[in-house]
Amino acid sequence: MPENDLTLAAMAEILAKSADYRVLRRLVRRELSVPSDQKTTKTGILLDVETTGLDQRKDEVIELGMVKFDYLPDGRIAGLRDTFTSFNEPSTPIPPEVTALTGITDEMVAGHQIDEEAVSRFVDDAVIVIAHNAGFDRKFAERYWPVFQRKAWGCSATEVEWRKHGFEGSRLGYLLNGAGFFHQAHRAVDDCHALLELLAFQLPTTGTSALSVLLEQARKKTMRVWAEQSPFDLKDALKRRGYRWCDGSDGRPRSWFIDIDESKLDDEVTFLKTEIYLRDVEPRLQILTAFDRFSIRT
């Protein structure tokens, strides 16, 4: 290591020990590696898409990034297996605000198309796909590549209670800073590498990795409760409770709904009976697992 790098490293160590400073280190990608004992590991995929907009029904993917990794039963990262990155040329020009955010231009994607067979081969042996906003990424991924409809999914933004573990928010950049790193944001595969280090981070509150916490939550069933035909003047009470509105345009009920842990179902039904409908009610229920949670199909 050059002398100036040694000096910088030493300075960083001194600053890091002070209560008056915080030191962020540039994220360095892990080298590809395969665990020595593959019988005890499982394979996961970290996925991120960059798109022309937020509407999964009409906007288009312009970049797909994936990182394949192995992990142990206790949630520790065992190795980085492979990476995948590819551009896709949309049918219309990339909006200027998207280029400003991602750095992806029309010239960069011109003539590129993401190979569906290559995507399927890459994810075939994975037992879970994780995105940092699975409610967004899964819908686009399923629309373009049907293989993702058959996979279990996890969301690192919502299935880890980051604030409970001492972080100030759930945006990837904020979380990475909290773990002591910074990176080149808003390029798909770079965000996947950043997410890998974030999931490897040992949470001070549990002594386990963030991935371990996510996997535990992803394995649980959740219940989707529909508050159909609820009184209009009580919509604010539903919103405060965490209910979201579905306009029915995608074939689902035109109704407020909420996703909760299975253990909280009785409390939720009691809330609807006593605060919303003021009578006995049997709300429409859906059981969700990692195989259909966040999917465009639900």
Protein backbone atom coordinates (compact mmCIF):
# COMPACT_ATOMS: atom_id res chain seq x y z
CA MET A 1 0.00 0.00 0.00
CA PRO A 2 1.45 3.44 -0.93
CA GLU A 3 2.62 5.60 1.94
CA ASN A 4 -0.06 8.24 1.38
CA ASP A 5 -2.75 5.54 1.59
CA LEU A 6 -1.27 4.34 4.87
CA THR A 7 -1.43 7.89 6.16
CA LEU A 8 -5.04 8.29 5.06
CA ALA A 9 -5.98 4.95 6.61
CA ALA A 10 -4.35 5.92 9.88
CA MET A 11 -6.11 9.28 9.88
CA ALA A 12 -9.43 7.57 9.24
CA GLU A 13 -8.86 5.20 12.18
CA ILE A 14 -8.10 8.12 14.50
CA LEU A 15 -11.17 10.06 13.37
CA ALA A 16 -13.40 6.98 13.67
CA LYS A 17 -12.45 6.60 17.33
CA SER A 18 -13.53 10.17 18.08
CA ALA A 19 -17.08 10.97 19.12
CA ASP A 20 -16.85 14.20 17.09
CA TYR A 21 -16.44 12.59 13.66
CA ARG A 22 -17.94 9.90 11.48
CA VAL A 23 -15.89 8.25 8.75
CA LEU A 24 -17.44 6.90 5.56
CA ARG A 25 -15.38 4.53 3.43
CA ARG A 26 -15.85 4.00 -0.28
CA LEU A 27 -17.57 0.69 -0.86
CA VAL A 28 -15.19 -1.80 -2.45
CA ARG A 29 -16.85 -4.63 -4.32
CA ARG A 30 -16.22 -8.12 -3.05
CA GLU A 31 -14.22 -10.52 -5.19
CA LEU A 32 -16.02 -13.50 -6.68
CA SER A 33 -15.74 -16.51 -4.40
CA VAL A 34 -17.43 -19.85 -3.84
CA PRO A 35 -17.81 -21.23 -0.29
CA SER A 36 -15.74 -24.31 0.49
CA ASP A 37 -18.74 -26.25 1.82
CA GLN A 38 -21.61 -25.70 -0.61
CA LYS A 39 -23.78 -28.30 1.14
CA THR A 40 -24.54 -25.86 3.98
CA THR A 41 -25.22 -22.78 1.84
CA LYS A 42 -28.15 -21.44 -0.12
CA THR A 43 -28.09 -19.04 -3.04
CA GLY A 44 -29.81 -15.67 -3.22
CA ILE A 45 -30.15 -12.93 -5.83
CA LEU A 46 -30.00 -9.20 -5.20
CA LEU A 47 -31.86 -7.34 -7.93
CA ASP A 48 -32.32 -3.74 -9.00
CA VAL A 49 -33.97 -2.25 -12.08
CA GLU A 50 -33.68 1.24 -13.49
CA THR A 51 -36.78 2.29 -15.42
CA THR A 52 -38.25 5.13 -17.45
CA GLY A 53 -40.81 5.82 -14.72
CA LEU A 54 -42.76 4.44 -11.78
CA ASP A 55 -45.76 2.84 -13.53
CA GLN A 56 -45.05 -0.88 -13.92
CA ARG A 57 -47.88 -1.18 -16.45
CA LYS A 58 -46.49 1.25 -19.04
CA ASP A 59 -42.97 2.37 -18.12
CA GLU A 60 -39.99 0.32 -19.28
CA VAL A 61 -36.83 -1.20 -17.83
CA ILE A 62 -33.63 0.42 -19.08
CA GLU A 63 -31.15 -1.47 -16.91
CA LEU A 64 -31.13 -4.70 -14.92
CA GLY A 65 -28.47 -5.44 -12.32
CA MET A 66 -28.16 -8.62 -10.25
CA VAL A 67 -25.70 -10.03 -7.76
CA LYS A 68 -25.74 -13.75 -6.94
CA PHE A 69 -24.45 -14.69 -3.50
CA ASP A 70 -24.32 -17.65 -1.12
CA TYR A 71 -25.36 -17.50 2.52
CA LEU A 72 -25.23 -19.76 5.54
CA PRO A 73 -28.24 -20.95 7.60
CA ASP A 74 -27.60 -18.22 10.20
CA GLY A 75 -27.78 -15.48 7.56
CA ARG A 76 -24.06 -14.78 7.20
CA ILE A 77 -22.85 -14.02 3.66
CA ALA A 78 -20.64 -16.91 2.51
CA GLY A 79 -19.48 -15.61 -0.86
CA LEU A 80 -20.18 -13.60 -3.99
CA ARG A 81 -20.94 -16.04 -6.78
CA ASP A 82 -21.65 -13.95 -9.90
CA THR A 83 -22.95 -10.63 -11.26
CA PHE A 84 -25.26 -9.69 -14.13
CA THR A 85 -25.76 -6.29 -15.71
CA SER A 86 -27.44 -5.32 -18.96
CA PHE A 87 -29.03 -2.32 -20.63
CA ASN A 88 -32.37 -2.35 -22.45
CA GLU A 89 -33.41 0.17 -25.09
CA PRO A 90 -36.96 1.42 -24.40
CA SER A 91 -39.49 2.19 -27.12
CA THR A 92 -39.39 5.92 -26.33
CA PRO A 93 -36.56 8.29 -25.31
CA ILE A 94 -35.46 8.18 -21.66
CA PRO A 95 -37.01 11.11 -19.75
CA PRO A 96 -34.43 13.81 -18.85
CA GLU A 97 -35.17 13.47 -15.13
CA VAL A 98 -34.34 9.75 -15.29
CA THR A 99 -31.05 10.45 -17.04
CA ALA A 100 -30.27 13.10 -14.43
CA LEU A 101 -30.93 10.59 -11.63
CA THR A 102 -29.23 7.50 -13.08
CA GLY A 103 -26.73 8.84 -15.60
CA ILE A 104 -28.19 6.48 -18.22
CA THR A 105 -28.58 8.10 -21.64
CA ASP A 106 -30.32 7.09 -24.85
CA GLU A 107 -26.89 6.54 -26.41
CA MET A 108 -25.87 4.09 -23.68
CA VAL A 109 -28.91 1.84 -24.18
CA ALA A 110 -29.15 2.11 -27.98
CA GLY A 111 -29.32 -1.34 -29.59
CA HIS A 112 -29.33 -3.21 -26.26
CA GLN A 113 -31.87 -5.83 -25.24
CA ILE A 114 -31.85 -7.96 -22.10
CA ASP A 115 -31.62 -11.68 -22.94
CA GLU A 116 -34.51 -13.49 -21.24
CA GLU A 117 -32.76 -16.87 -21.38
CA ALA A 118 -29.63 -15.41 -19.79
CA VAL A 119 -31.73 -13.93 -16.97
CA SER A 120 -33.47 -17.28 -16.39
CA ARG A 121 -30.16 -19.16 -16.25
CA PHE A 122 -28.72 -16.64 -13.82
CA VAL A 123 -31.55 -16.88 -11.29
CA ASP A 124 -32.52 -20.53 -11.76
CA ASP A 125 -30.71 -21.92 -8.67
CA ALA A 126 -31.63 -19.05 -6.33
CA VAL A 127 -34.04 -19.73 -3.46
CA ILE A 128 -34.85 -16.05 -2.86
CA VAL A 129 -34.68 -12.75 -4.74
CA ILE A 130 -34.15 -9.61 -2.66
CA ALA A 131 -34.69 -6.01 -3.74
CA HIS A 132 -34.52 -2.80 -1.76
CA ASN A 133 -38.04 -1.92 -2.85
CA ALA A 134 -39.52 -5.26 -3.85
CA GLY A 135 -42.97 -3.73 -4.29
CA PHE A 136 -41.47 -1.80 -7.21
CA ASP A 137 -38.77 -4.09 -8.62
CA ARG A 138 -40.75 -7.35 -8.51
CA LYS A 139 -43.60 -5.95 -10.60
CA PHE A 140 -41.24 -4.85 -13.38
CA ALA A 141 -39.20 -8.07 -13.17
CA GLU A 142 -42.27 -10.31 -13.46
CA ARG A 143 -43.58 -8.34 -16.42
CA TYR A 144 -40.34 -8.79 -18.36
CA TRP A 145 -39.06 -12.17 -17.15
CA PRO A 146 -41.63 -14.81 -16.05
CA VAL A 147 -39.00 -16.77 -14.08
CA PHE A 148 -39.40 -14.25 -11.26
CA GLN A 149 -43.05 -15.23 -10.76
CA ARG A 150 -41.85 -18.60 -9.43
CA LYS A 151 -39.36 -17.23 -6.92
CA ALA A 152 -39.67 -16.26 -3.28
CA TRP A 153 -38.99 -12.55 -2.75
CA GLY A 154 -37.79 -10.44 0.13
CA CYS A 155 -37.69 -6.66 0.60
CA SER A 156 -34.70 -5.19 2.41
CA ALA A 157 -36.48 -1.83 2.75
CA THR A 158 -39.62 -3.06 4.53
CA GLU A 159 -38.78 -6.46 6.01
CA VAL A 160 -36.07 -5.11 8.29
CA GLU A 161 -37.23 -2.55 10.87
CA TRP A 162 -34.21 -0.33 10.34
CA ARG A 163 -35.28 2.41 12.79
CA LYS A 164 -35.63 -0.20 15.50
CA HIS A 165 -32.01 -1.15 14.84
CA GLY A 166 -30.70 2.42 15.18
CA PHE A 167 -30.90 3.72 11.61
CA GLU A 168 -32.61 6.99 10.71
CA GLY A 169 -34.50 5.79 7.64
CA SER A 170 -34.77 3.00 5.09
CA ARG A 171 -33.34 4.56 1.92
CA LEU A 172 -30.37 2.56 0.66
CA GLY A 173 -27.97 5.49 0.72
CA TYR A 174 -28.87 6.43 4.30
CA LEU A 175 -28.52 2.84 5.48
CA LEU A 176 -25.18 2.42 3.76
CA ASN A 177 -23.91 5.61 5.39
CA GLY A 178 -25.10 4.28 8.74
CA ALA A 179 -23.03 1.16 8.13
CA GLY A 180 -19.98 3.33 7.38
CA PHE A 181 -19.90 3.29 3.56
CA PHE A 182 -20.76 5.38 0.50
CA HIS A 183 -21.15 4.25 -3.11
CA GLN A 184 -22.12 5.23 -6.64
CA ALA A 185 -25.90 5.28 -6.34
CA HIS A 186 -28.69 4.74 -8.89
CA ARG A 187 -26.88 2.33 -11.20
CA ALA A 188 -28.45 -1.08 -10.90
CA VAL A 189 -25.52 -3.39 -10.23
CA ASP A 190 -23.79 -0.81 -8.01
CA ASP A 191 -26.89 -0.68 -5.83
CA CYS A 192 -26.86 -4.49 -5.65
CA HIS A 193 -23.25 -4.53 -4.43
CA ALA A 194 -24.16 -1.90 -1.85
CA LEU A 195 -27.13 -3.96 -0.72
CA LEU A 196 -24.91 -7.03 -0.29
CA GLU A 197 -22.71 -5.17 2.20
CA LEU A 198 -25.74 -3.76 3.97
CA LEU A 199 -27.24 -7.23 4.42
CA ALA A 200 -23.89 -8.50 5.69
CA PHE A 201 -23.83 -5.74 8.33
CA GLN A 202 -24.10 -7.03 11.89
CA LEU A 203 -26.95 -5.26 13.64
CA PRO A 204 -25.88 -4.02 17.08
CA THR A 205 -29.32 -4.72 18.52
CA THR A 206 -29.36 -8.43 17.63
CA GLY A 207 -25.75 -9.42 17.01
CA THR A 208 -26.90 -11.03 13.77
CA SER A 209 -26.71 -9.91 10.16
CA ALA A 210 -29.41 -7.80 8.56
CA LEU A 211 -29.90 -10.67 6.12
CA SER A 212 -30.78 -12.98 9.01
CA VAL A 213 -33.50 -10.59 10.17
CA LEU A 214 -34.86 -10.21 6.63
CA LEU A 215 -34.99 -13.97 6.03
CA GLU A 216 -36.85 -14.55 9.28
CA GLN A 217 -39.48 -11.98 8.31
CA ALA A 218 -39.75 -13.20 4.71
CA ARG A 219 -40.55 -16.72 5.90
CA LYS A 220 -43.61 -15.50 7.81
CA LYS A 221 -47.11 -15.38 6.39
CA THR A 222 -48.77 -12.00 6.18
CA MET A 223 -52.44 -11.18 5.88
CA ARG A 224 -53.92 -8.66 3.48
CA VAL A 225 -57.09 -7.20 4.98
CA TRP A 226 -59.53 -5.40 2.69
CA ALA A 227 -61.75 -2.71 4.23
CA GLU A 228 -64.33 -2.84 1.45
CA GLN A 229 -67.22 -0.36 1.44
CA SER A 230 -65.79 1.47 4.44
CA PRO A 231 -67.34 4.88 5.18
CA PHE A 232 -65.75 7.64 3.12
CA ASP A 233 -65.51 10.03 6.06
CA LEU A 234 -63.30 7.53 7.93
CA LYS A 235 -60.64 7.29 5.22
CA ASP A 236 -58.21 9.38 7.30
CA ALA A 237 -58.51 6.92 10.18
CA LEU A 238 -57.64 4.09 7.79
CA LYS A 239 -54.68 6.05 6.38
CA ARG A 240 -53.34 6.73 9.88
CA ARG A 241 -53.60 3.01 10.57
CA GLY A 242 -51.45 2.26 7.51
CA TYR A 243 -54.13 1.32 4.98
CA ARG A 244 -53.45 1.99 1.29
CA TRP A 245 -55.96 2.71 -1.46
CA CYS A 246 -56.50 0.42 -4.46
CA ASP A 247 -58.47 2.05 -7.27
CA GLY A 248 -59.55 -1.28 -8.75
CA SER A 249 -58.02 -0.60 -12.16
CA ASP A 250 -55.88 -3.75 -11.96
CA GLY A 251 -58.73 -6.14 -11.19
CA ARG A 252 -58.37 -6.03 -7.41
CA PRO A 253 -61.15 -4.68 -5.15
CA ARG A 254 -61.66 -0.91 -5.18
CA SER A 255 -60.94 -0.56 -1.51
CA TRP A 256 -58.57 0.35 1.28
CA PHE A 257 -56.28 -2.49 2.37
CA ILE A 258 -53.42 -3.25 4.75
CA ASP A 259 -50.79 -6.00 5.00
CA ILE A 260 -50.10 -7.23 8.54
CA ASP A 261 -48.40 -10.07 10.38
CA GLU A 262 -50.63 -13.08 10.81
CA SER A 263 -50.40 -12.65 14.60
CA LYS A 264 -52.05 -9.20 14.39
CA LEU A 265 -55.15 -10.28 12.47
CA ASP A 266 -57.50 -10.39 15.49
CA ASP A 267 -56.49 -6.86 16.51
CA GLU A 268 -57.08 -5.58 12.98
CA VAL A 269 -60.54 -7.10 12.72
CA THR A 270 -61.39 -5.61 16.13
CA PHE A 271 -60.27 -2.19 14.86
CA LEU A 272 -62.54 -2.47 11.82
CA LYS A 273 -65.50 -3.59 13.93
CA THR A 274 -65.18 -0.91 16.58
CA GLU A 275 -63.70 2.08 14.71
CA ILE A 276 -64.80 1.78 11.08
CA TYR A 277 -67.93 -0.29 10.55
CA LEU A 278 -69.37 -0.15 14.11
CA ARG A 279 -70.77 -3.64 13.63
CA ASP A 280 -69.64 -7.22 13.21
CA VAL A 281 -67.77 -7.61 9.96
CA GLU A 282 -65.92 -10.38 8.14
CA PRO A 283 -63.41 -8.56 5.92
CA ARG A 284 -61.99 -10.11 2.79
CA LEU A 285 -58.63 -11.70 3.63
CA GLN A 286 -55.66 -12.83 1.57
CA ILE A 287 -52.80 -14.98 2.83
CA LEU A 288 -49.48 -13.81 1.40
CA THR A 289 -46.11 -15.59 1.45
CA ALA A 290 -42.74 -14.72 -0.04
CA PHE A 291 -43.87 -16.39 -3.27
CA ASP A 292 -46.66 -13.88 -3.92
CA ARG A 293 -45.86 -10.92 -1.67
CA PHE A 294 -44.99 -7.75 -3.67
CA SER A 295 -46.15 -9.46 -6.89
CA ILE A 296 -48.14 -7.71 -9.60
CA ARG A 297 -50.42 -10.77 -9.41
CA THR A 298 -51.60 -9.85 -5.88
